[in-house]
C-alpha atoms as a PDB file:
ATOM      1  CA  MET A   1      65.647  76.734 116.423  1.00  0.00           C
ATOM      2  CA  SER A   2      62.459  78.299 115.092  1.00  0.00           C
ATOM      3  CA  LYS A   3      62.883  81.209 112.672  1.00  0.00           C
ATOM      4  CA  LYS A   4      60.589  84.020 111.618  1.00  0.00           C
ATOM      5  CA  ILE A   5      60.176  84.100 107.861  1.00  0.00           C
ATOM      6  CA  CYS A   6      58.802  87.055 105.877  1.00  0.00           C
ATOM      7  CA  ILE A   7      57.722  86.293 102.304  1.00  0.00           C
ATOM      8  CA  LEU A   8      57.261  89.137  99.840  1.00  0.00           C
ATOM      9  CA  ASN A   9      55.108  87.762  97.009  1.00  0.00           C
ATOM     10  CA  GLY A  10      55.590  89.938  93.964  1.00  0.00           C
ATOM     11  CA  SER A  11      53.221  88.028  91.694  1.00  0.00           C
ATOM     12  CA  PRO A  12      50.170  89.867  90.369  1.00  0.00           C
ATOM     13  CA  ARG A  13      48.359  86.528  90.005  1.00  0.00           C
ATOM     14  CA  SER A  14      46.527  85.571  93.167  1.00  0.00           C
ATOM     15  CA  ASN A  15      46.822  81.865  92.411  1.00  0.00           C
ATOM     16  CA  GLY A  16      49.640  81.720  89.909  1.00  0.00           C
ATOM     17  CA  ASN A  17      52.803  79.673  89.703  1.00  0.00           C
ATOM     18  CA  THR A  18      54.725  81.854  92.163  1.00  0.00           C
ATOM     19  CA  LYS A  19      51.976  81.403  94.747  1.00  0.00           C
ATOM     20  CA  GLU A  20      52.220  77.623  94.318  1.00  0.00           C
ATOM     21  CA  LEU A  21      55.970  77.813  94.988  1.00  0.00           C
ATOM     22  CA  ILE A  22      55.200  79.846  98.118  1.00  0.00           C
ATOM     23  CA  LYS A  23      52.615  77.325  99.307  1.00  0.00           C
ATOM     24  CA  SER A  24      55.089  74.466  98.922  1.00  0.00           C
ATOM     25  CA  PHE A  25      57.905  76.385 100.599  1.00  0.00           C
ATOM     26  CA  THR A  26      55.601  77.406 103.464  1.00  0.00           C
ATOM     27  CA  LYS A  27      54.446  73.816 103.936  1.00  0.00           C
ATOM     28  CA  GLY A  28      58.056  72.719 104.375  1.00  0.00           C
ATOM     29  CA  ALA A  29      59.053  75.648 106.589  1.00  0.00           C
ATOM     30  CA  GLU A  30      56.058  75.244 108.900  1.00  0.00           C
ATOM     31  CA  ALA A  31      56.667  71.482 109.109  1.00  0.00           C
ATOM     32  CA  ALA A  32      60.184  72.363 110.309  1.00  0.00           C
ATOM     33  CA  GLY A  33      58.671  74.542 113.045  1.00  0.00           C
ATOM     34  CA  HIS A  34      59.174  77.997 111.536  1.00  0.00           C
ATOM     35  CA  GLU A  35      56.741  80.934 111.624  1.00  0.00           C
ATOM     36  CA  VAL A  36      55.856  82.191 108.142  1.00  0.00           C
ATOM     37  CA  THR A  37      54.198  85.486 107.215  1.00  0.00           C
ATOM     38  CA  CYS A  38      53.408  86.107 103.541  1.00  0.00           C
ATOM     39  CA  PHE A  39      52.497  89.443 102.001  1.00  0.00           C
ATOM     40  CA  ASP A  40      50.696  89.310  98.644  1.00  0.00           C
ATOM     41  CA  LEU A  41      51.933  92.640  97.330  1.00  0.00           C
ATOM     42  CA  GLN A  42      49.439  92.836  94.448  1.00  0.00           C
ATOM     43  CA  LYS A  43      46.626  93.130  97.007  1.00  0.00           C
ATOM     44  CA  MET A  44      48.331  95.913  98.937  1.00  0.00           C
ATOM     45  CA  ASN A  45      48.383  99.685  98.520  1.00  0.00           C
ATOM     46  CA  ILE A  46      52.110 100.375  98.236  1.00  0.00           C
ATOM     47  CA  HIS A  47      53.481 103.514  96.637  1.00  0.00           C
ATOM     48  CA  GLY A  48      56.864 103.851  95.006  1.00  0.00           C
ATOM     49  CA  CYS A  49      59.823 105.233  96.925  1.00  0.00           C
ATOM     50  CA  LEU A  50      60.029 109.032  96.853  1.00  0.00           C
ATOM     51  CA  GLY A  51      63.797 109.079  97.280  1.00  0.00           C
ATOM     52  CA  CYS A  52      63.317 111.699  99.994  1.00  0.00           C
ATOM     53  CA  CYS A  53      65.793 110.128 102.465  1.00  0.00           C
ATOM     54  CA  ASN A  54      63.569 111.301 105.329  1.00  0.00           C
ATOM     55  CA  GLY A  55      62.685 107.894 106.724  1.00  0.00           C
ATOM     56  CA  GLY A  56      63.981 106.106 109.764  1.00  0.00           C
ATOM     57  CA  LYS A  57      62.441 108.385 112.358  1.00  0.00           C
ATOM     58  CA  ASP A  58      59.487 106.208 113.410  1.00  0.00           C
ATOM     59  CA  GLU A  59      60.451 102.655 114.359  1.00  0.00           C
ATOM     60  CA  GLU A  60      56.906 101.336 113.878  1.00  0.00           C
ATOM     61  CA  CYS A  61      56.574 102.774 110.374  1.00  0.00           C
ATOM     62  CA  PRO A  62      59.937 104.113 109.250  1.00  0.00           C
ATOM     63  CA  CYS A  63      58.843 105.563 105.886  1.00  0.00           C
ATOM     64  CA  VAL A  64      57.281 109.026 105.637  1.00  0.00           C
ATOM     65  CA  GLN A  65      54.614 107.576 103.326  1.00  0.00           C
ATOM     66  CA  LYS A  66      51.759 105.965 105.182  1.00  0.00           C
ATOM     67  CA  ASP A  67      50.393 103.061 103.178  1.00  0.00           C
ATOM     68  CA  ASP A  68      50.332  99.266 103.452  1.00  0.00           C
ATOM     69  CA  MET A  69      54.103  99.081 103.948  1.00  0.00           C
ATOM     70  CA  SER A  70      53.205  99.725 107.596  1.00  0.00           C
ATOM     71  CA  LYS A  71      51.982  96.100 107.654  1.00  0.00           C
ATOM     72  CA  ILE A  72      55.264  94.793 106.235  1.00  0.00           C
ATOM     73  CA  TYR A  73      57.799  96.759 108.295  1.00  0.00           C
ATOM     74  CA  PRO A  74      57.235  94.963 111.636  1.00  0.00           C
ATOM     75  CA  ALA A  75      57.398  91.481 110.062  1.00  0.00           C
ATOM     76  CA  TYR A  76      60.467  92.448 108.034  1.00  0.00           C
ATOM     77  CA  MET A  77      62.313  93.877 111.026  1.00  0.00           C
ATOM     78  CA  GLN A  78      61.578  90.785 113.149  1.00  0.00           C
ATOM     79  CA  ALA A  79      62.339  88.290 110.360  1.00  0.00           C
ATOM     80  CA  ASP A  80      65.388  86.076 110.425  1.00  0.00           C
ATOM     81  CA  LEU A  81      64.777  85.166 106.792  1.00  0.00           C
ATOM     82  CA  VAL A  82      63.292  87.110 103.876  1.00  0.00           C
ATOM     83  CA  VAL A  83      61.895  85.240 100.878  1.00  0.00           C
ATOM     84  CA  LEU A  84      61.693  87.156  97.631  1.00  0.00           C
ATOM     85  CA  ALA A  85      59.068  85.447  95.464  1.00  0.00           C
ATOM     86  CA  SER A  86      58.357  86.654  91.957  1.00  0.00           C
ATOM     87  CA  PRO A  87      57.547  85.643  88.429  1.00  0.00           C
ATOM     88  CA  MET A  88      60.224  86.656  85.953  1.00  0.00           C
ATOM     89  CA  TYR A  89      59.241  89.813  84.105  1.00  0.00           C
ATOM     90  CA  TYR A  90      61.612  90.950  81.387  1.00  0.00           C
ATOM     91  CA  TRP A  91      64.485  88.995  82.977  1.00  0.00           C
ATOM     92  CA  GLY A  92      63.984  90.544  86.401  1.00  0.00           C
ATOM     93  CA  ILE A  93      61.703  90.585  89.418  1.00  0.00           C
ATOM     94  CA  SER A  94      58.193  92.009  89.137  1.00  0.00           C
ATOM     95  CA  GLY A  95      57.483  95.698  89.631  1.00  0.00           C
ATOM     96  CA  GLN A  96      55.375  94.892  92.690  1.00  0.00           C
ATOM     97  CA  LEU A  97      58.330  93.261  94.447  1.00  0.00           C
ATOM     98  CA  LYS A  98      60.816  95.924  93.378  1.00  0.00           C
ATOM     99  CA  CYS A  99      58.519  98.707  94.603  1.00  0.00           C
ATOM    100  CA  ALA A 100      58.078  97.142  98.055  1.00  0.00           C
ATOM    101  CA  PHE A 101      61.740  96.233  98.365  1.00  0.00           C
ATOM    102  CA  ASP A 102      62.827  99.789  97.536  1.00  0.00           C
ATOM    103  CA  ARG A 103      60.654 101.015 100.390  1.00  0.00           C
ATOM    104  CA  LEU A 104      62.607  98.848 102.851  1.00  0.00           C
ATOM    105  CA  PHE A 105      65.368 101.462 102.604  1.00  0.00           C
ATOM    106  CA  ALA A 106      63.454 103.415 105.267  1.00  0.00           C
ATOM    107  CA  VAL A 107      64.489 100.691 107.725  1.00  0.00           C
ATOM    108  CA  ALA A 108      68.146 101.210 106.781  1.00  0.00           C
ATOM    109  CA  GLU A 109      67.617 104.918 107.462  1.00  0.00           C
ATOM    110  CA  MET A 110      67.053 104.037 111.123  1.00  0.00           C
ATOM    111  CA  ASN A 111      70.814 103.378 111.292  1.00  0.00           C
ATOM    112  CA  PRO A 112      73.149 106.395 111.036  1.00  0.00           C
ATOM    113  CA  ASN A 113      75.302 104.416 108.559  1.00  0.00           C
ATOM    114  CA  TYR A 114      72.278 103.327 106.485  1.00  0.00           C
ATOM    115  CA  GLU A 115      73.112  99.743 107.296  1.00  0.00           C
ATOM    116  CA  ASN A 116      70.399  97.241 106.455  1.00  0.00           C
ATOM    117  CA  PRO A 117      69.471  94.657 109.061  1.00  0.00           C
ATOM    118  CA  LYS A 118      71.313  91.397 108.389  1.00  0.00           C
ATOM    119  CA  LYS A 119      69.044  88.655 107.070  1.00  0.00           C
ATOM    120  CA  ASP A 120      69.152  85.276 105.444  1.00  0.00           C
ATOM    121  CA  CYS A 121      67.449  85.301 102.047  1.00  0.00           C
ATOM    122  CA  ILE A 122      65.786  82.940  99.578  1.00  0.00           C
ATOM    123  CA  LEU A 123      64.614  83.543  96.015  1.00  0.00           C
ATOM    124  CA  LEU A 124      61.597  81.708  94.577  1.00  0.00           C
ATOM    125  CA  MET A 125      61.004  82.443  90.896  1.00  0.00           C
ATOM    126  CA  ALA A 126      58.624  81.064  88.302  1.00  0.00           C
ATOM    127  CA  ALA A 127      59.316  81.805  84.647  1.00  0.00           C
ATOM    128  CA  GLU A 128      58.345  80.861  81.130  1.00  0.00           C
ATOM    129  CA  GLY A 129      61.926  80.216  80.021  1.00  0.00           C
ATOM    130  CA  ASP A 130      63.829  77.340  81.531  1.00  0.00           C
ATOM    131  CA  THR A 131      67.426  77.748  80.380  1.00  0.00           C
ATOM    132  CA  GLU A 132      70.475  78.768  82.378  1.00  0.00           C
ATOM    133  CA  SER A 133      70.860  81.908  80.232  1.00  0.00           C
ATOM    134  CA  ASN A 134      67.212  82.824  80.870  1.00  0.00           C
ATOM    135  CA  PHE A 135      67.863  83.072  84.621  1.00  0.00           C
ATOM    136  CA  ALA A 136      71.333  84.712  84.326  1.00  0.00           C
ATOM    137  CA  PRO A 137      70.099  88.343  84.638  1.00  0.00           C
ATOM    138  CA  VAL A 138      68.005  87.498  87.726  1.00  0.00           C
ATOM    139  CA  ARG A 139      70.903  85.582  89.243  1.00  0.00           C
ATOM    140  CA  ALA A 140      73.183  88.606  88.748  1.00  0.00           C
ATOM    141  CA  PHE A 141      70.625  90.950  90.322  1.00  0.00           C
ATOM    142  CA  TYR A 142      69.974  88.661  93.291  1.00  0.00           C
ATOM    143  CA  GLU A 143      73.650  87.972  93.943  1.00  0.00           C
ATOM    144  CA  GLY A 144      74.432  91.699  93.744  1.00  0.00           C
ATOM    145  CA  LEU A 145      71.543  92.573  96.041  1.00  0.00           C
ATOM    146  CA  THR A 146      72.440  90.054  98.729  1.00  0.00           C
ATOM    147  CA  ALA A 147      76.152  90.939  98.547  1.00  0.00           C
ATOM    148  CA  HIS A 148      75.525  94.674  98.942  1.00  0.00           C
ATOM    149  CA  LEU A 149      73.052  94.142 101.790  1.00  0.00           C
ATOM    150  CA  GLY A 150      75.357  91.681 103.520  1.00  0.00           C
ATOM    151  CA  TRP A 151      72.616  89.055 103.417  1.00  0.00           C
ATOM    152  CA  LYS A 152      73.250  85.326 103.227  1.00  0.00           C
ATOM    153  CA  ASN A 153      71.647  83.466 100.339  1.00  0.00           C
ATOM    154  CA  ILE A 154      70.405  80.139 101.672  1.00  0.00           C
ATOM    155  CA  GLY A 155      68.607  78.924  98.583  1.00  0.00           C
ATOM    156  CA  ILE A 156      67.087  79.581  95.185  1.00  0.00           C
ATOM    157  CA  VAL A 157      64.329  77.794  93.300  1.00  0.00           C
ATOM    158  CA  TYR A 158      64.191  78.669  89.617  1.00  0.00           C
ATOM    159  CA  ALA A 159      60.994  77.120  88.272  1.00  0.00           C
ATOM    160  CA  GLY A 160      61.152  77.442  84.494  1.00  0.00           C
ATOM    161  CA  GLY A 161      58.691  76.307  81.855  1.00  0.00           C
ATOM    162  CA  ASN A 162      55.683  77.856  83.615  1.00  0.00           C
ATOM    163  CA  MET A 163      53.855  80.433  81.514  1.00  0.00           C
ATOM    164  CA  ASP A 164      50.180  79.785  82.155  1.00  0.00           C
ATOM    165  CA  ALA A 165      48.723  80.158  85.641  1.00  0.00           C
ATOM    166  CA  GLY A 166      48.727  76.734  87.255  1.00  0.00           C
ATOM    167  CA  ALA A 167      51.262  75.215  84.844  1.00  0.00           C
ATOM    168  CA  ILE A 168      53.569  74.456  87.762  1.00  0.00           C
ATOM    169  CA  LEU A 169      51.003  72.089  89.291  1.00  0.00           C
ATOM    170  CA  SER A 170      52.098  69.427  86.790  1.00  0.00           C
ATOM    171  CA  LYS A 171      55.753  69.896  87.773  1.00  0.00           C
ATOM    172  CA  THR A 172      55.909  68.236  91.143  1.00  0.00           C
ATOM    173  CA  GLY A 173      59.716  68.299  91.075  1.00  0.00           C
ATOM    174  CA  GLN A 174      59.741  72.109  91.254  1.00  0.00           C
ATOM    175  CA  LEU A 175      57.158  72.191  94.028  1.00  0.00           C
ATOM    176  CA  ASN A 176      59.031  69.479  95.947  1.00  0.00           C
ATOM    177  CA  GLU A 177      62.239  71.508  95.608  1.00  0.00           C
ATOM    178  CA  ALA A 178      60.510  74.511  97.199  1.00  0.00           C
ATOM    179  CA  GLU A 179      59.061  72.363  99.994  1.00  0.00           C
ATOM    180  CA  GLU A 180      62.434  70.732 100.699  1.00  0.00           C
ATOM    181  CA  LEU A 181      64.080  74.147 100.828  1.00  0.00           C
ATOM    182  CA  GLY A 182      61.517  75.185 103.439  1.00  0.00           C
ATOM    183  CA  LYS A 183      62.207  72.047 105.471  1.00  0.00           C
ATOM    184  CA  SER A 184      65.981  72.552 105.291  1.00  0.00           C
ATOM    185  CA  ILE A 185      66.006  75.863 107.142  1.00  0.00           C
END
């Protein structure tokens, strides 16, 4: 059964290692018959959450702030699967991804119990470090996030050893892993 996939690309590099992971994942997902929409957050005008708790009143654009999140909300609400794609920055996701993800709370505000829509989720992450301990803080964040949202983790690709833009192109194993994950959905 075909799924709608929404990718939030938190990399500030237009053609960096995270984008290469996304390309490989998308290739696999589209080959499996899924519809993929990717948002390159670094190219978008997205403001930080105001913490106003006044969202949820307009289904088309649930946040009171009117910026490029209005492009993301419809794809996010229709998505069966959300892919969080980011380089590792200080043992976490990038600020671009965190900013956009915080703004998704306005969708939860559409529900009187602030319940987030249930989604499947994938994490794609490129990083300089390539040890288990290097990824431990991100793993803890991601597992906590999906558990609290009630989302199902269906896969993670940790692509370590990739500092310079394009370094991942010589690591076909990491790109193949992302493509195979896309095909497996």
